[in-house]
C-alpha atoms as a PDB file:
ATOM      1  CA  UNK A   1      -8.125 -25.979  16.467  1.00  0.00           C
ATOM      2  CA  UNK A   2      -5.494 -27.203  18.625  1.00  0.00           C
ATOM      3  CA  UNK A   3      -4.717 -29.941  15.847  1.00  0.00           C
ATOM      4  CA  UNK A   4      -5.050 -27.578  13.066  1.00  0.00           C
ATOM      5  CA  UNK A   5      -2.086 -25.122  15.047  1.00  0.00           C
ATOM      6  CA  UNK A   6      -0.068 -28.259  15.267  1.00  0.00           C
ATOM      7  CA  UNK A   7      -0.722 -29.607  12.368  1.00  0.00           C
ATOM      8  CA  UNK A   8       0.398 -26.518  11.076  1.00  0.00           C
ATOM      9  CA  UNK A   9       3.942 -26.373  13.173  1.00  0.00           C
ATOM     10  CA  UNK A  10       2.357 -24.856  16.236  1.00  0.00           C
ATOM     11  CA  UNK A  11       2.432 -26.089  19.667  1.00  0.00           C
ATOM     12  CA  UNK A  12      -0.155 -26.894  21.886  1.00  0.00           C
ATOM     13  CA  UNK A  13      -0.066 -24.923  24.287  1.00  0.00           C
ATOM     14  CA  UNK A  14      -2.716 -21.852  25.039  1.00  0.00           C
ATOM     15  CA  UNK A  15      -1.101 -18.574  23.769  1.00  0.00           C
ATOM     16  CA  UNK A  16       1.003 -21.241  20.905  1.00  0.00           C
ATOM     17  CA  UNK A  17      -3.025 -21.703  19.278  1.00  0.00           C
ATOM     18  CA  UNK A  18      -4.130 -17.939  19.980  1.00  0.00           C
ATOM     19  CA  UNK A  19      -1.394 -16.697  17.535  1.00  0.00           C
ATOM     20  CA  UNK A  20      -2.258 -19.395  15.368  1.00  0.00           C
ATOM     21  CA  UNK A  21      -6.011 -18.681  15.346  1.00  0.00           C
ATOM     22  CA  UNK A  22      -5.614 -14.860  14.982  1.00  0.00           C
ATOM     23  CA  UNK A  23      -2.991 -15.735  12.107  1.00  0.00           C
ATOM     24  CA  UNK A  24      -5.598 -17.486  10.637  1.00  0.00           C
ATOM     25  CA  UNK A  25      -7.975 -14.596  10.713  1.00  0.00           C
ATOM     26  CA  UNK A  26      -5.566 -11.830   9.491  1.00  0.00           C
ATOM     27  CA  UNK A  27      -5.033 -14.776   6.442  1.00  0.00           C
ATOM     28  CA  UNK A  28      -9.250 -15.007   5.600  1.00  0.00           C
ATOM     29  CA  UNK A  29     -10.904 -12.132   7.199  1.00  0.00           C
ATOM     30  CA  UNK A  30     -12.730  -9.582   4.629  1.00  0.00           C
ATOM     31  CA  UNK A  31     -14.779  -6.919   5.134  1.00  0.00           C
ATOM     32  CA  UNK A  32     -16.523  -4.736   2.510  1.00  0.00           C
ATOM     33  CA  UNK A  33     -17.628  -0.642   3.985  1.00  0.00           C
ATOM     34  CA  UNK A  34     -19.793   1.104   1.731  1.00  0.00           C
ATOM     35  CA  UNK A  35     -19.471   4.980   2.043  1.00  0.00           C
ATOM     36  CA  UNK A  36     -21.029   7.907  -0.358  1.00  0.00           C
ATOM     37  CA  UNK A  37     -18.232  10.713  -0.953  1.00  0.00           C
ATOM     38  CA  UNK A  38     -21.569  12.802  -1.342  1.00  0.00           C
ATOM     39  CA  UNK A  39     -20.990  14.990   1.507  1.00  0.00           C
ATOM     40  CA  UNK A  40     -18.530  15.219   4.395  1.00  0.00           C
ATOM     41  CA  UNK A  41     -19.068  11.939   6.314  1.00  0.00           C
ATOM     42  CA  UNK A  42     -16.357   9.864   4.442  1.00  0.00           C
ATOM     43  CA  UNK A  43     -14.078  12.485   4.793  1.00  0.00           C
ATOM     44  CA  UNK A  44     -14.514  13.010   8.430  1.00  0.00           C
ATOM     45  CA  UNK A  45     -14.270   9.162   9.122  1.00  0.00           C
ATOM     46  CA  UNK A  46     -11.563   8.358   7.422  1.00  0.00           C
ATOM     47  CA  UNK A  47      -9.747  11.379   9.160  1.00  0.00           C
ATOM     48  CA  UNK A  48     -10.571   9.720  12.280  1.00  0.00           C
ATOM     49  CA  UNK A  49     -10.292   6.502  11.323  1.00  0.00           C
ATOM     50  CA  UNK A  50      -6.829   6.714   8.511  1.00  0.00           C
ATOM     51  CA  UNK A  51      -6.902   3.079   8.513  1.00  0.00           C
ATOM     52  CA  UNK A  52     -10.047   3.451   6.216  1.00  0.00           C
ATOM     53  CA  UNK A  53      -8.080   4.805   3.640  1.00  0.00           C
ATOM     54  CA  UNK A  54      -4.507   3.814   4.258  1.00  0.00           C
ATOM     55  CA  UNK A  55      -5.035   0.132   5.050  1.00  0.00           C
ATOM     56  CA  UNK A  56      -7.969  -0.780   2.099  1.00  0.00           C
ATOM     57  CA  UNK A  57      -8.607  -0.444  -1.365  1.00  0.00           C
ATOM     58  CA  UNK A  58     -11.183   1.861  -1.911  1.00  0.00           C
ATOM     59  CA  UNK A  59     -12.839   0.788  -5.727  1.00  0.00           C
ATOM     60  CA  UNK A  60     -15.645   3.327  -7.164  1.00  0.00           C
ATOM     61  CA  UNK A  61     -18.187   0.975  -8.544  1.00  0.00           C
ATOM     62  CA  UNK A  62     -20.125   4.321 -10.559  1.00  0.00           C
ATOM     63  CA  UNK A  63     -18.267   6.107 -12.982  1.00  0.00           C
ATOM     64  CA  UNK A  64     -16.995   9.753 -12.716  1.00  0.00           C
ATOM     65  CA  UNK A  65     -18.038  12.486 -14.657  1.00  0.00           C
ATOM     66  CA  UNK A  66     -15.354  13.563 -16.827  1.00  0.00           C
ATOM     67  CA  UNK A  67     -15.376  17.185 -16.209  1.00  0.00           C
ATOM     68  CA  UNK A  68     -14.336  15.261 -12.516  1.00  0.00           C
ATOM     69  CA  UNK A  69     -11.524  13.157 -13.764  1.00  0.00           C
ATOM     70  CA  UNK A  70      -9.906  16.362 -15.465  1.00  0.00           C
ATOM     71  CA  UNK A  71     -10.476  18.368 -12.682  1.00  0.00           C
ATOM     72  CA  UNK A  72      -8.177  15.909 -10.276  1.00  0.00           C
ATOM     73  CA  UNK A  73      -5.664  15.186 -13.147  1.00  0.00           C
ATOM     74  CA  UNK A  74      -5.364  18.999 -13.556  1.00  0.00           C
ATOM     75  CA  UNK A  75      -5.185  19.157  -9.548  1.00  0.00           C
ATOM     76  CA  UNK A  76      -2.619  16.139  -9.429  1.00  0.00           C
ATOM     77  CA  UNK A  77      -0.612  16.736 -12.352  1.00  0.00           C
ATOM     78  CA  UNK A  78       0.018  20.621 -10.968  1.00  0.00           C
ATOM     79  CA  UNK A  79       2.751  19.734  -8.805  1.00  0.00           C
ATOM     80  CA  UNK A  80       4.457  17.370 -11.296  1.00  0.00           C
ATOM     81  CA  UNK A  81       6.947  18.542 -13.404  1.00  0.00           C
ATOM     82  CA  UNK A  82       6.428  17.109 -17.219  1.00  0.00           C
ATOM     83  CA  UNK A  83       8.769  19.443 -19.112  1.00  0.00           C
ATOM     84  CA  UNK A  84       7.141  21.759 -21.655  1.00  0.00           C
ATOM     85  CA  UNK A  85       3.794  23.396 -20.601  1.00  0.00           C
ATOM     86  CA  UNK A  86       2.749  21.695 -24.692  1.00  0.00           C
ATOM     87  CA  UNK A  87       3.421  17.885 -22.986  1.00  0.00           C
ATOM     88  CA  UNK A  88       1.378  18.979 -19.235  1.00  0.00           C
ATOM     89  CA  UNK A  89      -1.088  20.350 -21.546  1.00  0.00           C
ATOM     90  CA  UNK A  90      -1.131  16.941 -23.267  1.00  0.00           C
ATOM     91  CA  UNK A  91      -1.222  15.294 -20.261  1.00  0.00           C
ATOM     92  CA  UNK A  92      -3.936  16.525 -18.419  1.00  0.00           C
ATOM     93  CA  UNK A  93      -6.274  16.194 -21.386  1.00  0.00           C
ATOM     94  CA  UNK A  94      -5.141  12.772 -21.495  1.00  0.00           C
ATOM     95  CA  UNK A  95      -6.168  11.725 -17.456  1.00  0.00           C
ATOM     96  CA  UNK A  96     -10.169  12.289 -18.194  1.00  0.00           C
ATOM     97  CA  UNK A  97      -9.811   9.631 -20.943  1.00  0.00           C
ATOM     98  CA  UNK A  98      -7.278   7.534 -19.041  1.00  0.00           C
ATOM     99  CA  UNK A  99      -9.979   6.146 -16.341  1.00  0.00           C
ATOM    100  CA  UNK A 100     -12.828   6.000 -18.401  1.00  0.00           C
ATOM    101  CA  UNK A 101     -13.863   2.405 -18.789  1.00  0.00           C
END
């Protein structure tokens, strides 16, 4: 590890080698955590450990029902000013189809 740290421009001091080691871990360590969105467990864990939601990428591997997509879209768009009610309704109806793969 010391040779690699030296090659990367770090000194041979233990603290410097440790800094190099930690930087390599941060650069290369990847974790996969799987939680079911059903029930309260995901919500409770996300509240208890905020980095689960704020410092990660969440991939939903199962398709969402169209009704769920429409519900989430309408809830989010309720706080967005889109101009006329006709435009808001058109965007709301488009939201579920935008996320269907």
